[in-house]
Amino acid sequence: MRPNSELISPALAMGETMMLGLRLLDEGVRFNRFAARFGVDLRDVYRKEIERLSRMGLVEVNSDRV
């Protein structure tokens, strides 16, 4: 590990990816990129959260991204 670096868990890395990606309103978080990076579908990991936020009108989900 390099000096001044931090080792984070996969769960934290996924959460950071979602948080930072959702701030990019035009880009969002693409399903294929998330799966390529983490080996899981983000809809499986964050299904409840995505459904709740979508019902509240806080996120949009389309065929390729949140």
PDB file of N, CA and C in Angstrom:
ATOM      1  N   MET A   1       0.842  -1.172   0.000  1.00  0.00           N
ATOM      2  CA  MET A   1       0.000   0.000   0.000  1.00  0.00           C
ATOM      3  C   MET A   1       0.891   1.239   0.000  1.00  0.00           C
ATOM      4  N   ARG A   2       0.493   2.228  -0.775  1.00  0.00           N
ATOM      5  CA  ARG A   2       1.259   3.469  -0.873  1.00  0.00           C
ATOM      6  C   ARG A   2       1.033   4.346   0.351  1.00  0.00           C
ATOM      7  N   PRO A   3       2.034   5.152   0.701  1.00  0.00           N
ATOM      8  CA  PRO A   3       1.827   6.105   1.800  1.00  0.00           C
ATOM      9  C   PRO A   3       0.655   7.033   1.476  1.00  0.00           C
ATOM     10  N   ASN A   4      -0.067   7.416   2.493  1.00  0.00           N
ATOM     11  CA  ASN A   4      -1.219   8.310   2.347  1.00  0.00           C
ATOM     12  C   ASN A   4      -2.337   7.705   1.514  1.00  0.00           C
ATOM     13  N   SER A   5      -2.413   6.375   1.451  1.00  0.00           N
ATOM     14  CA  SER A   5      -3.512   5.729   0.752  1.00  0.00           C
ATOM     15  C   SER A   5      -4.377   5.012   1.782  1.00  0.00           C
ATOM     16  N   GLU A   6      -5.569   4.679   1.365  1.00  0.00           N
ATOM     17  CA  GLU A   6      -6.529   4.068   2.271  1.00  0.00           C
ATOM     18  C   GLU A   6      -7.118   2.839   1.605  1.00  0.00           C
ATOM     19  N   LEU A   7      -7.156   1.749   2.319  1.00  0.00           N
ATOM     20  CA  LEU A   7      -7.777   0.529   1.824  1.00  0.00           C
ATOM     21  C   LEU A   7      -9.224   0.532   2.287  1.00  0.00           C
ATOM     22  N   ILE A   8     -10.152   0.468   1.336  1.00  0.00           N
ATOM     23  CA  ILE A   8     -11.568   0.491   1.713  1.00  0.00           C
ATOM     24  C   ILE A   8     -12.232  -0.803   1.277  1.00  0.00           C
ATOM     25  N   SER A   9     -13.303  -1.146   1.961  1.00  0.00           N
ATOM     26  CA  SER A   9     -14.031  -2.380   1.668  1.00  0.00           C
ATOM     27  C   SER A   9     -14.791  -2.241   0.351  1.00  0.00           C
ATOM     28  N   PRO A  10     -15.133  -3.362  -0.272  1.00  0.00           N
ATOM     29  CA  PRO A  10     -15.953  -3.294  -1.489  1.00  0.00           C
ATOM     30  C   PRO A  10     -17.285  -2.577  -1.257  1.00  0.00           C
ATOM     31  N   ALA A  11     -17.915  -2.810  -0.108  1.00  0.00           N
ATOM     32  CA  ALA A  11     -19.200  -2.145   0.182  1.00  0.00           C
ATOM     33  C   ALA A  11     -19.030  -0.638   0.235  1.00  0.00           C
ATOM     34  N   LEU A  12     -17.968  -0.168   0.863  1.00  0.00           N
ATOM     35  CA  LEU A  12     -17.723   1.275   0.927  1.00  0.00           C
ATOM     36  C   LEU A  12     -17.395   1.824  -0.459  1.00  0.00           C
ATOM     37  N   ALA A  13     -16.630   1.080  -1.238  1.00  0.00           N
ATOM     38  CA  ALA A  13     -16.295   1.520  -2.595  1.00  0.00           C
ATOM     39  C   ALA A  13     -17.559   1.629  -3.456  1.00  0.00           C
ATOM     40  N   MET A  14     -18.493   0.686  -3.301  1.00  0.00           N
ATOM     41  CA  MET A  14     -19.750   0.747  -4.048  1.00  0.00           C
ATOM     42  C   MET A  14     -20.561   1.964  -3.618  1.00  0.00           C
ATOM     43  N   GLY A  15     -20.626   2.204  -2.324  1.00  0.00           N
ATOM     44  CA  GLY A  15     -21.361   3.364  -1.817  1.00  0.00           C
ATOM     45  C   GLY A  15     -20.776   4.668  -2.312  1.00  0.00           C
ATOM     46  N   GLU A  16     -19.454   4.765  -2.316  1.00  0.00           N
ATOM     47  CA  GLU A  16     -18.785   5.973  -2.815  1.00  0.00           C
ATOM     48  C   GLU A  16     -19.049   6.164  -4.306  1.00  0.00           C
ATOM     49  N   THR A  17     -19.024   5.072  -5.056  1.00  0.00           N
ATOM     50  CA  THR A  17     -19.311   5.139  -6.489  1.00  0.00           C
ATOM     51  C   THR A  17     -20.722   5.659  -6.732  1.00  0.00           C
ATOM     52  N   MET A  18     -21.675   5.157  -5.963  1.00  0.00           N
ATOM     53  CA  MET A  18     -23.058   5.616  -6.113  1.00  0.00           C
ATOM     54  C   MET A  18     -23.191   7.090  -5.731  1.00  0.00           C
ATOM     55  N   MET A  19     -22.642   7.457  -4.590  1.00  0.00           N
ATOM     56  CA  MET A  19     -22.769   8.830  -4.113  1.00  0.00           C
ATOM     57  C   MET A  19     -22.159   9.821  -5.109  1.00  0.00           C
ATOM     58  N   LEU A  20     -20.958   9.528  -5.555  1.00  0.00           N
ATOM     59  CA  LEU A  20     -20.295  10.442  -6.489  1.00  0.00           C
ATOM     60  C   LEU A  20     -20.962  10.422  -7.859  1.00  0.00           C
ATOM     61  N   GLY A  21     -21.362   9.243  -8.325  1.00  0.00           N
ATOM     62  CA  GLY A  21     -22.007   9.133  -9.636  1.00  0.00           C
ATOM     63  C   GLY A  21     -23.350   9.834  -9.700  1.00  0.00           C
ATOM     64  N   LEU A  22     -24.115   9.751  -8.621  1.00  0.00           N
ATOM     65  CA  LEU A  22     -25.436  10.377  -8.621  1.00  0.00           C
ATOM     66  C   LEU A  22     -25.349  11.897  -8.589  1.00  0.00           C
ATOM     67  N   ARG A  23     -24.212  12.413  -8.205  1.00  0.00           N
ATOM     68  CA  ARG A  23     -24.024  13.865  -8.233  1.00  0.00           C
ATOM     69  C   ARG A  23     -23.841  14.381  -9.660  1.00  0.00           C
ATOM     70  N   LEU A  24     -23.473  13.494 -10.572  1.00  0.00           N
ATOM     71  CA  LEU A  24     -23.308  13.859 -11.981  1.00  0.00           C
ATOM     72  C   LEU A  24     -24.654  13.679 -12.674  1.00  0.00           C
ATOM     73  N   LEU A  25     -25.448  14.707 -12.666  1.00  0.00           N
ATOM     74  CA  LEU A  25     -26.837  14.600 -13.107  1.00  0.00           C
ATOM     75  C   LEU A  25     -26.993  14.122 -14.541  1.00  0.00           C
ATOM     76  N   ASP A  26     -26.094  14.512 -15.421  1.00  0.00           N
ATOM     77  CA  ASP A  26     -26.208  14.093 -16.819  1.00  0.00           C
ATOM     78  C   ASP A  26     -25.668  12.694 -17.049  1.00  0.00           C
ATOM     79  N   GLU A  27     -24.806  12.212 -16.156  1.00  0.00           N
ATOM     80  CA  GLU A  27     -24.159  10.917 -16.322  1.00  0.00           C
ATOM     81  C   GLU A  27     -24.801   9.842 -15.448  1.00  0.00           C
ATOM     82  N   GLY A  28     -24.971  10.110 -14.169  1.00  0.00           N
ATOM     83  CA  GLY A  28     -25.501   9.116 -13.246  1.00  0.00           C
ATOM     84  C   GLY A  28     -24.540   7.956 -13.059  1.00  0.00           C
ATOM     85  N   VAL A  29     -25.084   6.810 -12.710  1.00  0.00           N
ATOM     86  CA  VAL A  29     -24.285   5.598 -12.531  1.00  0.00           C
ATOM     87  C   VAL A  29     -24.790   4.577 -13.532  1.00  0.00           C
ATOM     88  N   ARG A  30     -23.908   4.185 -14.435  1.00  0.00           N
ATOM     89  CA  ARG A  30     -24.278   3.228 -15.488  1.00  0.00           C
ATOM     90  C   ARG A  30     -24.196   1.800 -14.961  1.00  0.00           C
ATOM     91  N   PHE A  31     -25.231   1.027 -15.276  1.00  0.00           N
ATOM     92  CA  PHE A  31     -25.302  -0.355 -14.806  1.00  0.00           C
ATOM     93  C   PHE A  31     -24.088  -1.164 -15.261  1.00  0.00           C
ATOM     94  N   ASN A  32     -23.712  -1.038 -16.528  1.00  0.00           N
ATOM     95  CA  ASN A  32     -22.613  -1.859 -17.049  1.00  0.00           C
ATOM     96  C   ASN A  32     -21.270  -1.488 -16.418  1.00  0.00           C
ATOM     97  N   ARG A  33     -21.031  -0.236 -16.155  1.00  0.00           N
ATOM     98  CA  ARG A  33     -19.762   0.175 -15.536  1.00  0.00           C
ATOM     99  C   ARG A  33     -19.674  -0.297 -14.089  1.00  0.00           C
ATOM    100  N   PHE A  34     -20.780  -0.200 -13.369  1.00  0.00           N
ATOM    101  CA  PHE A  34     -20.813  -0.660 -11.982  1.00  0.00           C
ATOM    102  C   PHE A  34     -20.539  -2.159 -11.941  1.00  0.00           C
ATOM    103  N   ALA A  35     -21.214  -2.912 -12.802  1.00  0.00           N
ATOM    104  CA  ALA A  35     -21.029  -4.362 -12.843  1.00  0.00           C
ATOM    105  C   ALA A  35     -19.608  -4.736 -13.241  1.00  0.00           C
ATOM    106  N   ALA A  36     -19.024  -4.003 -14.176  1.00  0.00           N
ATOM    107  CA  ALA A  36     -17.655  -4.290 -14.597  1.00  0.00           C
ATOM    108  C   ALA A  36     -16.666  -4.044 -13.459  1.00  0.00           C
ATOM    109  N   ARG A  37     -16.922  -3.035 -12.676  1.00  0.00           N
ATOM    110  CA  ARG A  37     -16.002  -2.688 -11.584  1.00  0.00           C
ATOM    111  C   ARG A  37     -16.164  -3.606 -10.378  1.00  0.00           C
ATOM    112  N   PHE A  38     -17.417  -3.931 -10.026  1.00  0.00           N
ATOM    113  CA  PHE A  38     -17.663  -4.645  -8.779  1.00  0.00           C
ATOM    114  C   PHE A  38     -18.138  -6.083  -8.949  1.00  0.00           C
ATOM    115  N   GLY A  39     -18.507  -6.465 -10.174  1.00  0.00           N
ATOM    116  CA  GLY A  39     -18.935  -7.839 -10.412  1.00  0.00           C
ATOM    117  C   GLY A  39     -20.343  -8.145  -9.945  1.00  0.00           C
ATOM    118  N   VAL A  40     -21.118  -7.113  -9.647  1.00  0.00           N
ATOM    119  CA  VAL A  40     -22.516  -7.269  -9.238  1.00  0.00           C
ATOM    120  C   VAL A  40     -23.350  -6.187  -9.896  1.00  0.00           C
ATOM    121  N   ASP A  41     -24.632  -6.457 -10.045  1.00  0.00           N
ATOM    122  CA  ASP A  41     -25.548  -5.468 -10.615  1.00  0.00           C
ATOM    123  C   ASP A  41     -25.966  -4.507  -9.510  1.00  0.00           C
ATOM    124  N   LEU A  42     -25.838  -3.213  -9.752  1.00  0.00           N
ATOM    125  CA  LEU A  42     -26.173  -2.238  -8.714  1.00  0.00           C
ATOM    126  C   LEU A  42     -27.632  -2.322  -8.318  1.00  0.00           C
ATOM    127  N   ARG A  43     -28.494  -2.800  -9.221  1.00  0.00           N
ATOM    128  CA  ARG A  43     -29.912  -2.960  -8.882  1.00  0.00           C
ATOM    129  C   ARG A  43     -30.112  -4.054  -7.848  1.00  0.00           C
ATOM    130  N   ASP A  44     -29.227  -5.028  -7.811  1.00  0.00           N
ATOM    131  CA  ASP A  44     -29.301  -6.068  -6.784  1.00  0.00           C
ATOM    132  C   ASP A  44     -28.813  -5.536  -5.444  1.00  0.00           C
ATOM    133  N   VAL A  45     -27.796  -4.703  -5.476  1.00  0.00           N
ATOM    134  CA  VAL A  45     -27.203  -4.170  -4.248  1.00  0.00           C
ATOM    135  C   VAL A  45     -28.077  -3.075  -3.642  1.00  0.00           C
ATOM    136  N   TYR A  46     -28.616  -2.195  -4.478  1.00  0.00           N
ATOM    137  CA  TYR A  46     -29.331  -1.006  -3.999  1.00  0.00           C
ATOM    138  C   TYR A  46     -30.800  -0.960  -4.418  1.00  0.00           C
ATOM    139  N   ARG A  47     -31.409  -2.114  -4.644  1.00  0.00           N
ATOM    140  CA  ARG A  47     -32.786  -2.163  -5.147  1.00  0.00           C
ATOM    141  C   ARG A  47     -33.752  -1.357  -4.274  1.00  0.00           C
ATOM    142  N   LYS A  48     -33.757  -1.593  -2.986  1.00  0.00           N
ATOM    143  CA  LYS A  48     -34.707  -0.903  -2.097  1.00  0.00           C
ATOM    144  C   LYS A  48     -34.487   0.603  -2.112  1.00  0.00           C
ATOM    145  N   GLU A  49     -33.227   1.007  -2.039  1.00  0.00           N
ATOM    146  CA  GLU A  49     -32.920   2.435  -2.028  1.00  0.00           C
ATOM    147  C   GLU A  49     -33.315   3.111  -3.334  1.00  0.00           C
ATOM    148  N   ILE A  50     -33.024   2.444  -4.450  1.00  0.00           N
ATOM    149  CA  ILE A  50     -33.368   3.008  -5.760  1.00  0.00           C
ATOM    150  C   ILE A  50     -34.881   3.121  -5.906  1.00  0.00           C
ATOM    151  N   GLU A  51     -35.607   2.089  -5.508  1.00  0.00           N
ATOM    152  CA  GLU A  51     -37.066   2.131  -5.610  1.00  0.00           C
ATOM    153  C   GLU A  51     -37.646   3.255  -4.752  1.00  0.00           C
ATOM    154  N   ARG A  52     -37.148   3.382  -3.532  1.00  0.00           N
ATOM    155  CA  ARG A  52     -37.651   4.424  -2.627  1.00  0.00           C
ATOM    156  C   ARG A  52     -37.350   5.810  -3.173  1.00  0.00           C
ATOM    157  N   LEU A  53     -36.124   6.037  -3.603  1.00  0.00           N
ATOM    158  CA  LEU A  53     -35.745   7.349  -4.129  1.00  0.00           C
ATOM    159  C   LEU A  53     -36.464   7.667  -5.430  1.00  0.00           C
ATOM    160  N   SER A  54     -36.712   6.647  -6.232  1.00  0.00           N
ATOM    161  CA  SER A  54     -37.446   6.852  -7.482  1.00  0.00           C
ATOM    162  C   SER A  54     -38.896   7.250  -7.199  1.00  0.00           C
ATOM    163  N   ARG A  55     -39.531   6.570  -6.242  1.00  0.00           N
ATOM    164  CA  ARG A  55     -40.912   6.930  -5.868  1.00  0.00           C
ATOM    165  C   ARG A  55     -40.991   8.371  -5.358  1.00  0.00           C
ATOM    166  N   MET A  56     -39.932   8.823  -4.699  1.00  0.00           N
ATOM    167  CA  MET A  56     -39.901  10.183  -4.163  1.00  0.00           C
ATOM    168  C   MET A  56     -39.538  11.215  -5.232  1.00  0.00           C
ATOM    169  N   GLY A  57     -39.180  10.736  -6.422  1.00  0.00           N
ATOM    170  CA  GLY A  57     -38.806  11.630  -7.505  1.00  0.00           C
ATOM    171  C   GLY A  57     -37.399  12.183  -7.379  1.00  0.00           C
ATOM    172  N   LEU A  58     -36.551  11.514  -6.587  1.00  0.00           N
ATOM    173  CA  LEU A  58     -35.198  12.005  -6.364  1.00  0.00           C
ATOM    174  C   LEU A  58     -34.168  11.401  -7.311  1.00  0.00           C
ATOM    175  N   VAL A  59     -34.484  10.272  -7.918  1.00  0.00           N
ATOM    176  CA  VAL A  59     -33.617   9.674  -8.931  1.00  0.00           C
ATOM    177  C   VAL A  59     -34.484   9.192 -10.081  1.00  0.00           C
ATOM    178  N   GLU A  60     -33.881   9.088 -11.238  1.00  0.00           N
ATOM    179  CA  GLU A  60     -34.537   8.515 -12.410  1.00  0.00           C
ATOM    180  C   GLU A  60     -33.770   7.267 -12.811  1.00  0.00           C
ATOM    181  N   VAL A  61     -34.502   6.249 -13.207  1.00  0.00           N
ATOM    182  CA  VAL A  61     -33.884   5.006 -13.655  1.00  0.00           C
ATOM    183  C   VAL A  61     -34.319   4.782 -15.091  1.00  0.00           C
ATOM    184  N   ASN A  62     -33.352   4.515 -15.970  1.00  0.00           N
ATOM    185  CA  ASN A  62     -33.697   4.156 -17.339  1.00  0.00           C
ATOM    186  C   ASN A  62     -32.999   2.846 -17.698  1.00  0.00           C
ATOM    187  N   SER A  63     -32.953   2.510 -18.940  1.00  0.00           N
ATOM    188  CA  SER A  63     -32.448   1.193 -19.337  1.00  0.00           C
ATOM    189  C   SER A  63     -30.957   0.983 -19.067  1.00  0.00           C
ATOM    190  N   ASP A  64     -30.186   2.060 -18.960  1.00  0.00           N
ATOM    191  CA  ASP A  64     -28.752   1.858 -18.778  1.00  0.00           C
ATOM    192  C   ASP A  64     -28.142   2.524 -17.549  1.00  0.00           C
ATOM    193  N   ARG A  65     -28.944   3.270 -16.780  1.00  0.00           N
ATOM    194  CA  ARG A  65     -28.344   3.949 -15.618  1.00  0.00           C
ATOM    195  C   ARG A  65     -29.381   4.472 -14.638  1.00  0.00           C
ATOM    196  N   VAL A  66     -28.868   4.808 -13.474  1.00  0.00           N
ATOM    197  CA  VAL A  66     -29.658   5.509 -12.453  1.00  0.00           C
ATOM    198  C   VAL A  66     -29.198   6.936 -12.487  1.00  0.00           C
TER     199      VAL A  66
END
